[in-house]
Amino acid sequence: MTDPNKKTPRSFQCRDALWVRFEQMAQELECSVDYLINDAMKQYARQRGYSAGQPAGAAAPLPPGPPSAAPPPPRSSKAPPPPSRSGP
């Protein structure tokens, strides 16, 4: 069984401005950029329907979205008819 907390060095490219933001957040939150990146990836996977117990590539089905808007109620037949146009 593999250790879910095992960490392996990874290499990736990101935009400089994004990295600077993560460095600022890490300093403000008194944690490492590594911690923030791990947390961000975990939250991203969770939002996409992946859970920690699933093998790679096995995504859980996404929950249904919000219900679509219901059609407007039918107009009441008690409304007065539109005024008729009478010619000159």
PDB file of N, CA and C in Angstrom:
ATOM      1  N   MET A   1       0.849  -1.179   0.000  1.00  0.00           N
ATOM      2  CA  MET A   1       0.000   0.000   0.000  1.00  0.00           C
ATOM      3  C   MET A   1       0.893   1.240   0.000  1.00  0.00           C
ATOM      4  N   THR A   2       0.523   2.236  -0.786  1.00  0.00           N
ATOM      5  CA  THR A   2       1.346   3.434  -0.867  1.00  0.00           C
ATOM      6  C   THR A   2       0.959   4.434   0.215  1.00  0.00           C
ATOM      7  N   ASP A   3       1.937   5.204   0.624  1.00  0.00           N
ATOM      8  CA  ASP A   3       1.726   6.220   1.650  1.00  0.00           C
ATOM      9  C   ASP A   3       1.086   7.452   1.009  1.00  0.00           C
ATOM     10  N   PRO A   4      -0.133   7.840   1.413  1.00  0.00           N
ATOM     11  CA  PRO A   4      -0.789   8.994   0.797  1.00  0.00           C
ATOM     12  C   PRO A   4      -0.083  10.311   1.120  1.00  0.00           C
ATOM     13  N   ASN A   5       0.793  10.319   2.122  1.00  0.00           N
ATOM     14  CA  ASN A   5       1.497  11.539   2.500  1.00  0.00           C
ATOM     15  C   ASN A   5       2.903  11.622   1.922  1.00  0.00           C
ATOM     16  N   LYS A   6       3.307  10.617   1.143  1.00  0.00           N
ATOM     17  CA  LYS A   6       4.635  10.627   0.539  1.00  0.00           C
ATOM     18  C   LYS A   6       4.731  11.800  -0.429  1.00  0.00           C
ATOM     19  N   LYS A   7       5.859  12.496  -0.389  1.00  0.00           N
ATOM     20  CA  LYS A   7       6.065  13.646  -1.270  1.00  0.00           C
ATOM     21  C   LYS A   7       7.291  13.406  -2.129  1.00  0.00           C
ATOM     22  N   THR A   8       7.182  13.762  -3.387  1.00  0.00           N
ATOM     23  CA  THR A   8       8.262  13.608  -4.352  1.00  0.00           C
ATOM     24  C   THR A   8       8.496  14.956  -5.017  1.00  0.00           C
ATOM     25  N   PRO A   9       9.747  15.378  -5.158  1.00  0.00           N
ATOM     26  CA  PRO A   9       9.995  16.659  -5.844  1.00  0.00           C
ATOM     27  C   PRO A   9       9.455  16.622  -7.272  1.00  0.00           C
ATOM     28  N   ARG A  10       8.800  17.686  -7.671  1.00  0.00           N
ATOM     29  CA  ARG A  10       8.236  17.815  -9.017  1.00  0.00           C
ATOM     30  C   ARG A  10       8.769  19.105  -9.633  1.00  0.00           C
ATOM     31  N   SER A  11       8.661  19.193 -10.919  1.00  0.00           N
ATOM     32  CA  SER A  11       9.084  20.396 -11.627  1.00  0.00           C
ATOM     33  C   SER A  11       7.952  20.818 -12.550  1.00  0.00           C
ATOM     34  N   PHE A  12       7.627  22.098 -12.552  1.00  0.00           N
ATOM     35  CA  PHE A  12       6.583  22.589 -13.438  1.00  0.00           C
ATOM     36  C   PHE A  12       6.862  24.046 -13.765  1.00  0.00           C
ATOM     37  N   GLN A  13       6.207  24.533 -14.781  1.00  0.00           N
ATOM     38  CA  GLN A  13       6.337  25.926 -15.179  1.00  0.00           C
ATOM     39  C   GLN A  13       5.076  26.665 -14.773  1.00  0.00           C
ATOM     40  N   CYS A  14       5.258  27.876 -14.261  1.00  0.00           N
ATOM     41  CA  CYS A  14       4.103  28.717 -13.969  1.00  0.00           C
ATOM     42  C   CYS A  14       4.483  30.161 -14.265  1.00  0.00           C
ATOM     43  N   ARG A  15       3.506  30.981 -14.359  1.00  0.00           N
ATOM     44  CA  ARG A  15       3.743  32.398 -14.644  1.00  0.00           C
ATOM     45  C   ARG A  15       4.400  33.060 -13.442  1.00  0.00           C
ATOM     46  N   ASP A  16       5.317  33.962 -13.730  1.00  0.00           N
ATOM     47  CA  ASP A  16       6.061  34.626 -12.665  1.00  0.00           C
ATOM     48  C   ASP A  16       5.136  35.376 -11.712  1.00  0.00           C
ATOM     49  N   ALA A  17       4.140  36.066 -12.248  1.00  0.00           N
ATOM     50  CA  ALA A  17       3.226  36.834 -11.401  1.00  0.00           C
ATOM     51  C   ALA A  17       2.458  35.917 -10.451  1.00  0.00           C
ATOM     52  N   LEU A  18       2.084  34.744 -10.922  1.00  0.00           N
ATOM     53  CA  LEU A  18       1.373  33.793 -10.069  1.00  0.00           C
ATOM     54  C   LEU A  18       2.287  33.285  -8.959  1.00  0.00           C
ATOM     55  N   TRP A  19       3.533  32.990  -9.303  1.00  0.00           N
ATOM     56  CA  TRP A  19       4.484  32.508  -8.301  1.00  0.00           C
ATOM     57  C   TRP A  19       4.724  33.579  -7.240  1.00  0.00           C
ATOM     58  N   VAL A  20       4.829  34.836  -7.661  1.00  0.00           N
ATOM     59  CA  VAL A  20       5.034  35.935  -6.707  1.00  0.00           C
ATOM     60  C   VAL A  20       3.851  36.012  -5.746  1.00  0.00           C
ATOM     61  N   ARG A  21       2.633  35.847  -6.265  1.00  0.00           N
ATOM     62  CA  ARG A  21       1.450  35.863  -5.387  1.00  0.00           C
ATOM     63  C   ARG A  21       1.504  34.739  -4.361  1.00  0.00           C
ATOM     64  N   PHE A  22       1.919  33.552  -4.811  1.00  0.00           N
ATOM     65  CA  PHE A  22       2.011  32.428  -3.876  1.00  0.00           C
ATOM     66  C   PHE A  22       3.106  32.667  -2.837  1.00  0.00           C
ATOM     67  N   GLU A  23       4.205  33.288  -3.241  1.00  0.00           N
ATOM     68  CA  GLU A  23       5.252  33.619  -2.267  1.00  0.00           C
ATOM     69  C   GLU A  23       4.738  34.623  -1.240  1.00  0.00           C
ATOM     70  N   GLN A  24       3.968  35.609  -1.687  1.00  0.00           N
ATOM     71  CA  GLN A  24       3.390  36.591  -0.770  1.00  0.00           C
ATOM     72  C   GLN A  24       2.408  35.925   0.189  1.00  0.00           C
ATOM     73  N   MET A  25       1.547  35.065  -0.350  1.00  0.00           N
ATOM     74  CA  MET A  25       0.584  34.360   0.508  1.00  0.00           C
ATOM     75  C   MET A  25       1.306  33.491   1.525  1.00  0.00           C
ATOM     76  N   ALA A  26       2.343  32.797   1.084  1.00  0.00           N
ATOM     77  CA  ALA A  26       3.090  31.925   1.992  1.00  0.00           C
ATOM     78  C   ALA A  26       3.710  32.732   3.124  1.00  0.00           C
ATOM     79  N   GLN A  27       4.232  33.901   2.794  1.00  0.00           N
ATOM     80  CA  GLN A  27       4.836  34.740   3.826  1.00  0.00           C
ATOM     81  C   GLN A  27       3.767  35.234   4.807  1.00  0.00           C
ATOM     82  N   GLU A  28       2.630  35.690   4.279  1.00  0.00           N
ATOM     83  CA  GLU A  28       1.552  36.187   5.135  1.00  0.00           C
ATOM     84  C   GLU A  28       0.963  35.085   6.008  1.00  0.00           C
ATOM     85  N   LEU A  29       0.842  33.889   5.458  1.00  0.00           N
ATOM     86  CA  LEU A  29       0.237  32.769   6.190  1.00  0.00           C
ATOM     87  C   LEU A  29       1.262  31.969   6.989  1.00  0.00           C
ATOM     88  N   GLU A  30       2.529  32.370   6.873  1.00  0.00           N
ATOM     89  CA  GLU A  30       3.621  31.696   7.583  1.00  0.00           C
ATOM     90  C   GLU A  30       3.660  30.203   7.274  1.00  0.00           C
ATOM     91  N   CYS A  31       3.659  29.899   5.986  1.00  0.00           N
ATOM     92  CA  CYS A  31       3.781  28.518   5.530  1.00  0.00           C
ATOM     93  C   CYS A  31       4.654  28.516   4.280  1.00  0.00           C
ATOM     94  N   SER A  32       4.889  27.362   3.720  1.00  0.00           N
ATOM     95  CA  SER A  32       5.732  27.274   2.525  1.00  0.00           C
ATOM     96  C   SER A  32       4.887  27.361   1.253  1.00  0.00           C
ATOM     97  N   VAL A  33       5.541  27.748   0.177  1.00  0.00           N
ATOM     98  CA  VAL A  33       4.876  27.749  -1.125  1.00  0.00           C
ATOM     99  C   VAL A  33       4.479  26.321  -1.478  1.00  0.00           C
ATOM    100  N   ASP A  34       5.326  25.353  -1.123  1.00  0.00           N
ATOM    101  CA  ASP A  34       5.000  23.945  -1.380  1.00  0.00           C
ATOM    102  C   ASP A  34       3.668  23.569  -0.736  1.00  0.00           C
ATOM    103  N   TYR A  35       3.474  24.008   0.512  1.00  0.00           N
ATOM    104  CA  TYR A  35       2.225  23.703   1.212  1.00  0.00           C
ATOM    105  C   TYR A  35       1.040  24.301   0.445  1.00  0.00           C
ATOM    106  N   LEU A  36       1.175  25.572   0.021  1.00  0.00           N
ATOM    107  CA  LEU A  36       0.077  26.230  -0.695  1.00  0.00           C
ATOM    108  C   LEU A  36      -0.223  25.556  -2.029  1.00  0.00           C
ATOM    109  N   ILE A  37       0.825  25.165  -2.750  1.00  0.00           N
ATOM    110  CA  ILE A  37       0.626  24.504  -4.044  1.00  0.00           C
ATOM    111  C   ILE A  37      -0.069  23.159  -3.841  1.00  0.00           C
ATOM    112  N   ASN A  38       0.382  22.393  -2.842  1.00  0.00           N
ATOM    113  CA  ASN A  38      -0.264  21.108  -2.551  1.00  0.00           C
ATOM    114  C   ASN A  38      -1.734  21.311  -2.196  1.00  0.00           C
ATOM    115  N   ASP A  39      -2.008  22.313  -1.364  1.00  0.00           N
ATOM    116  CA  ASP A  39      -3.384  22.572  -0.957  1.00  0.00           C
ATOM    117  C   ASP A  39      -4.227  23.009  -2.157  1.00  0.00           C
ATOM    118  N   ALA A  40      -3.664  23.862  -3.007  1.00  0.00           N
ATOM    119  CA  ALA A  40      -4.399  24.326  -4.189  1.00  0.00           C
ATOM    120  C   ALA A  40      -4.712  23.165  -5.130  1.00  0.00           C
ATOM    121  N   MET A  41      -3.746  22.274  -5.328  1.00  0.00           N
ATOM    122  CA  MET A  41      -3.988  21.124  -6.215  1.00  0.00           C
ATOM    123  C   MET A  41      -5.030  20.189  -5.613  1.00  0.00           C
ATOM    124  N   LYS A  42      -4.984  20.015  -4.304  1.00  0.00           N
ATOM    125  CA  LYS A  42      -5.965  19.150  -3.637  1.00  0.00           C
ATOM    126  C   LYS A  42      -7.374  19.731  -3.792  1.00  0.00           C
ATOM    127  N   GLN A  43      -7.511  21.040  -3.572  1.00  0.00           N
ATOM    128  CA  GLN A  43      -8.819  21.681  -3.712  1.00  0.00           C
ATOM    129  C   GLN A  43      -9.318  21.622  -5.154  1.00  0.00           C
ATOM    130  N   TYR A  44      -8.418  21.812  -6.104  1.00  0.00           N
ATOM    131  CA  TYR A  44      -8.791  21.752  -7.522  1.00  0.00           C
ATOM    132  C   TYR A  44      -9.312  20.360  -7.879  1.00  0.00           C
ATOM    133  N   ALA A  45      -8.594  19.332  -7.428  1.00  0.00           N
ATOM    134  CA  ALA A  45      -9.023  17.955  -7.706  1.00  0.00           C
ATOM    135  C   ALA A  45     -10.379  17.671  -7.060  1.00  0.00           C
ATOM    136  N   ARG A  46     -10.574  18.153  -5.855  1.00  0.00           N
ATOM    137  CA  ARG A  46     -11.843  17.939  -5.148  1.00  0.00           C
ATOM    138  C   ARG A  46     -12.989  18.616  -5.899  1.00  0.00           C
ATOM    139  N   GLN A  47     -12.770  19.842  -6.373  1.00  0.00           N
ATOM    140  CA  GLN A  47     -13.812  20.555  -7.118  1.00  0.00           C
ATOM    141  C   GLN A  47     -14.163  19.852  -8.419  1.00  0.00           C
ATOM    142  N   ARG A  48     -13.206  19.162  -8.993  1.00  0.00           N
ATOM    143  CA  ARG A  48     -13.425  18.462 -10.257  1.00  0.00           C
ATOM    144  C   ARG A  48     -13.981  17.060 -10.054  1.00  0.00           C
ATOM    145  N   GLY A  49     -14.196  16.657  -8.814  1.00  0.00           N
ATOM    146  CA  GLY A  49     -14.812  15.364  -8.554  1.00  0.00           C
ATOM    147  C   GLY A  49     -13.844  14.227  -8.340  1.00  0.00           C
ATOM    148  N   TYR A  50     -12.563  14.524  -8.176  1.00  0.00           N
ATOM    149  CA  TYR A  50     -11.578  13.477  -7.898  1.00  0.00           C
ATOM    150  C   TYR A  50     -11.395  13.399  -6.388  1.00  0.00           C
ATOM    151  N   SER A  51     -11.308  12.179  -5.870  1.00  0.00           N
ATOM    152  CA  SER A  51     -11.073  12.044  -4.435  1.00  0.00           C
ATOM    153  C   SER A  51      -9.744  11.354  -4.214  1.00  0.00           C
ATOM    154  N   ALA A  52      -9.221  11.463  -3.009  1.00  0.00           N
ATOM    155  CA  ALA A  52      -7.894  10.925  -2.701  1.00  0.00           C
ATOM    156  C   ALA A  52      -7.840   9.413  -2.820  1.00  0.00           C
ATOM    157  N   GLY A  53      -8.944   8.701  -2.618  1.00  0.00           N
ATOM    158  CA  GLY A  53      -8.935   7.248  -2.636  1.00  0.00           C
ATOM    159  C   GLY A  53      -9.052   6.624  -4.016  1.00  0.00           C
ATOM    160  N   GLN A  54      -9.204   7.426  -5.057  1.00  0.00           N
ATOM    161  CA  GLN A  54      -9.395   6.882  -6.398  1.00  0.00           C
ATOM    162  C   GLN A  54      -8.065   6.702  -7.115  1.00  0.00           C
ATOM    163  N   PRO A  55      -7.962   5.679  -7.936  1.00  0.00           N
ATOM    164  CA  PRO A  55      -6.759   5.543  -8.754  1.00  0.00           C
ATOM    165  C   PRO A  55      -6.705   6.655  -9.799  1.00  0.00           C
ATOM    166  N   ALA A  56      -5.513   6.938 -10.281  1.00  0.00           N
ATOM    167  CA  ALA A  56      -5.344   7.990 -11.283  1.00  0.00           C
ATOM    168  C   ALA A  56      -6.199   7.698 -12.507  1.00  0.00           C
ATOM    169  N   GLY A  57      -6.858   8.726 -13.003  1.00  0.00           N
ATOM    170  CA  GLY A  57      -7.665   8.574 -14.205  1.00  0.00           C
ATOM    171  C   GLY A  57      -9.088   8.126 -13.945  1.00  0.00           C
ATOM    172  N   ALA A  58      -9.435   7.804 -12.709  1.00  0.00           N
ATOM    173  CA  ALA A  58     -10.800   7.361 -12.400  1.00  0.00           C
ATOM    174  C   ALA A  58     -11.531   8.496 -11.699  1.00  0.00           C
ATOM    175  N   ALA A  59     -12.234   9.281 -12.446  1.00  0.00           N
ATOM    176  CA  ALA A  59     -12.954  10.416 -11.882  1.00  0.00           C
ATOM    177  C   ALA A  59     -14.350   9.999 -11.462  1.00  0.00           C
ATOM    178  N   ALA A  60     -14.770  10.525 -10.336  1.00  0.00           N
ATOM    179  CA  ALA A  60     -16.139  10.291  -9.889  1.00  0.00           C
ATOM    180  C   ALA A  60     -17.056  11.156 -10.736  1.00  0.00           C
ATOM    181  N   PRO A  61     -18.281  10.729 -10.965  1.00  0.00           N
ATOM    182  CA  PRO A  61     -19.185  11.570 -11.743  1.00  0.00           C
ATOM    183  C   PRO A  61     -19.433  12.877 -11.006  1.00  0.00           C
ATOM    184  N   LEU A  62     -19.552  13.937 -11.762  1.00  0.00           N
ATOM    185  CA  LEU A  62     -19.794  15.233 -11.156  1.00  0.00           C
ATOM    186  C   LEU A  62     -21.226  15.300 -10.660  1.00  0.00           C
ATOM    187  N   PRO A  63     -21.444  16.014  -9.566  1.00  0.00           N
ATOM    188  CA  PRO A  63     -22.815  16.156  -9.078  1.00  0.00           C
ATOM    189  C   PRO A  63     -23.621  16.982 -10.076  1.00  0.00           C
ATOM    190  N   PRO A  64     -24.933  16.778 -10.109  1.00  0.00           N
ATOM    191  CA  PRO A  64     -25.740  17.542 -11.053  1.00  0.00           C
ATOM    192  C   PRO A  64     -25.662  19.021 -10.732  1.00  0.00           C
ATOM    193  N   GLY A  65     -25.756  19.827 -11.752  1.00  0.00           N
ATOM    194  CA  GLY A  65     -25.695  21.271 -11.577  1.00  0.00           C
ATOM    195  C   GLY A  65     -26.987  21.791 -10.975  1.00  0.00           C
ATOM    196  N   PRO A  66     -27.047  23.101 -10.777  1.00  0.00           N
ATOM    197  CA  PRO A  66     -28.274  23.663 -10.217  1.00  0.00           C
ATOM    198  C   PRO A  66     -29.430  23.449 -11.180  1.00  0.00           C
ATOM    199  N   PRO A  67     -30.639  23.330 -10.643  1.00  0.00           N
ATOM    200  CA  PRO A  67     -31.783  23.105 -11.526  1.00  0.00           C
ATOM    201  C   PRO A  67     -31.952  24.285 -12.473  1.00  0.00           C
ATOM    202  N   SER A  68     -32.418  23.973 -13.666  1.00  0.00           N
ATOM    203  CA  SER A  68     -32.622  25.048 -14.636  1.00  0.00           C
ATOM    204  C   SER A  68     -33.819  25.881 -14.207  1.00  0.00           C
ATOM    205  N   ALA A  69     -33.834  27.094 -14.661  1.00  0.00           N
ATOM    206  CA  ALA A  69     -34.914  28.000 -14.288  1.00  0.00           C
ATOM    207  C   ALA A  69     -36.239  27.465 -14.820  1.00  0.00           C
ATOM    208  N   ALA A  70     -37.243  27.539 -13.985  1.00  0.00           N
ATOM    209  CA  ALA A  70     -38.575  27.083 -14.384  1.00  0.00           C
ATOM    210  C   ALA A  70     -39.171  28.097 -15.350  1.00  0.00           C
ATOM    211  N   PRO A  71     -40.003  27.646 -16.274  1.00  0.00           N
ATOM    212  CA  PRO A  71     -40.634  28.601 -17.189  1.00  0.00           C
ATOM    213  C   PRO A  71     -41.564  29.521 -16.404  1.00  0.00           C
ATOM    214  N   PRO A  72     -41.825  30.713 -16.911  1.00  0.00           N
ATOM    215  CA  PRO A  72     -42.708  31.629 -16.188  1.00  0.00           C
ATOM    216  C   PRO A  72     -44.113  31.049 -16.117  1.00  0.00           C
ATOM    217  N   PRO A  73     -44.849  31.403 -15.077  1.00  0.00           N
ATOM    218  CA  PRO A  73     -46.220  30.876 -14.963  1.00  0.00           C
ATOM    219  C   PRO A  73     -47.076  31.417 -16.101  1.00  0.00           C
ATOM    220  N   PRO A  74     -48.126  30.669 -16.478  1.00  0.00           N
ATOM    221  CA  PRO A  74     -48.991  31.143 -17.565  1.00  0.00           C
ATOM    222  C   PRO A  74     -49.686  32.436 -17.163  1.00  0.00           C
ATOM    223  N   ARG A  75     -49.970  33.243 -18.163  1.00  0.00           N
ATOM    224  CA  ARG A  75     -50.644  34.508 -17.892  1.00  0.00           C
ATOM    225  C   ARG A  75     -52.083  34.252 -17.478  1.00  0.00           C
ATOM    226  N   SER A  76     -52.548  35.067 -16.608  1.00  0.00           N
ATOM    227  CA  SER A  76     -53.926  34.943 -16.149  1.00  0.00           C
ATOM    228  C   SER A  76     -54.874  35.382 -17.263  1.00  0.00           C
ATOM    229  N   SER A  77     -55.970  34.660 -17.417  1.00  0.00           N
ATOM    230  CA  SER A  77     -56.944  35.024 -18.457  1.00  0.00           C
ATOM    231  C   SER A  77     -57.809  36.191 -18.007  1.00  0.00           C
ATOM    232  N   LYS A  78     -57.644  36.643 -16.758  1.00  0.00           N
ATOM    233  CA  LYS A  78     -58.446  37.747 -16.247  1.00  0.00           C
ATOM    234  C   LYS A  78     -57.865  39.103 -16.635  1.00  0.00           C
ATOM    235  N   ALA A  79     -56.754  39.117 -17.299  1.00  0.00           N
ATOM    236  CA  ALA A  79     -56.149  40.379 -17.716  1.00  0.00           C
ATOM    237  C   ALA A  79     -57.019  41.015 -18.789  1.00  0.00           C
ATOM    238  N   PRO A  80     -57.129  42.335 -18.773  1.00  0.00           N
ATOM    239  CA  PRO A  80     -57.968  42.979 -19.790  1.00  0.00           C
ATOM    240  C   PRO A  80     -57.347  42.805 -21.171  1.00  0.00           C
ATOM    241  N   PRO A  81     -58.188  42.687 -22.193  1.00  0.00           N
ATOM    242  CA  PRO A  81     -57.658  42.530 -23.553  1.00  0.00           C
ATOM    243  C   PRO A  81     -56.977  43.820 -23.990  1.00  0.00           C
ATOM    244  N   PRO A  82     -56.061  43.727 -24.926  1.00  0.00           N
ATOM    245  CA  PRO A  82     -55.405  44.948 -25.403  1.00  0.00           C
ATOM    246  C   PRO A  82     -56.425  45.845 -26.088  1.00  0.00           C
ATOM    247  N   PRO A  83     -56.203  47.150 -26.032  1.00  0.00           N
ATOM    248  CA  PRO A  83     -57.183  48.058 -26.663  1.00  0.00           C
ATOM    249  C   PRO A  83     -57.224  47.821 -28.173  1.00  0.00           C
ATOM    250  N   SER A  84     -58.429  47.872 -28.715  1.00  0.00           N
ATOM    251  CA  SER A  84     -58.576  47.660 -30.159  1.00  0.00           C
ATOM    252  C   SER A  84     -58.311  48.974 -30.873  1.00  0.00           C
ATOM    253  N   ARG A  85     -57.792  48.850 -32.048  1.00  0.00           N
ATOM    254  CA  ARG A  85     -57.503  50.046 -32.829  1.00  0.00           C
ATOM    255  C   ARG A  85     -58.706  50.311 -33.732  1.00  0.00           C
ATOM    256  N   SER A  86     -59.258  51.447 -33.579  1.00  0.00           N
ATOM    257  CA  SER A  86     -60.375  51.788 -34.466  1.00  0.00           C
ATOM    258  C   SER A  86     -59.882  52.784 -35.500  1.00  0.00           C
ATOM    259  N   GLY A  87     -60.276  52.571 -36.696  1.00  0.00           N
ATOM    260  CA  GLY A  87     -59.819  53.425 -37.782  1.00  0.00           C
ATOM    261  C   GLY A  87     -60.572  54.740 -37.820  1.00  0.00           C
ATOM    262  N   PRO A  88     -60.073  55.786 -38.517  1.00  0.00           N
ATOM    263  CA  PRO A  88     -60.760  57.092 -38.585  1.00  0.00           C
ATOM    264  C   PRO A  88     -61.970  57.066 -39.466  1.00  0.00           C
TER     265      PRO A  88
END
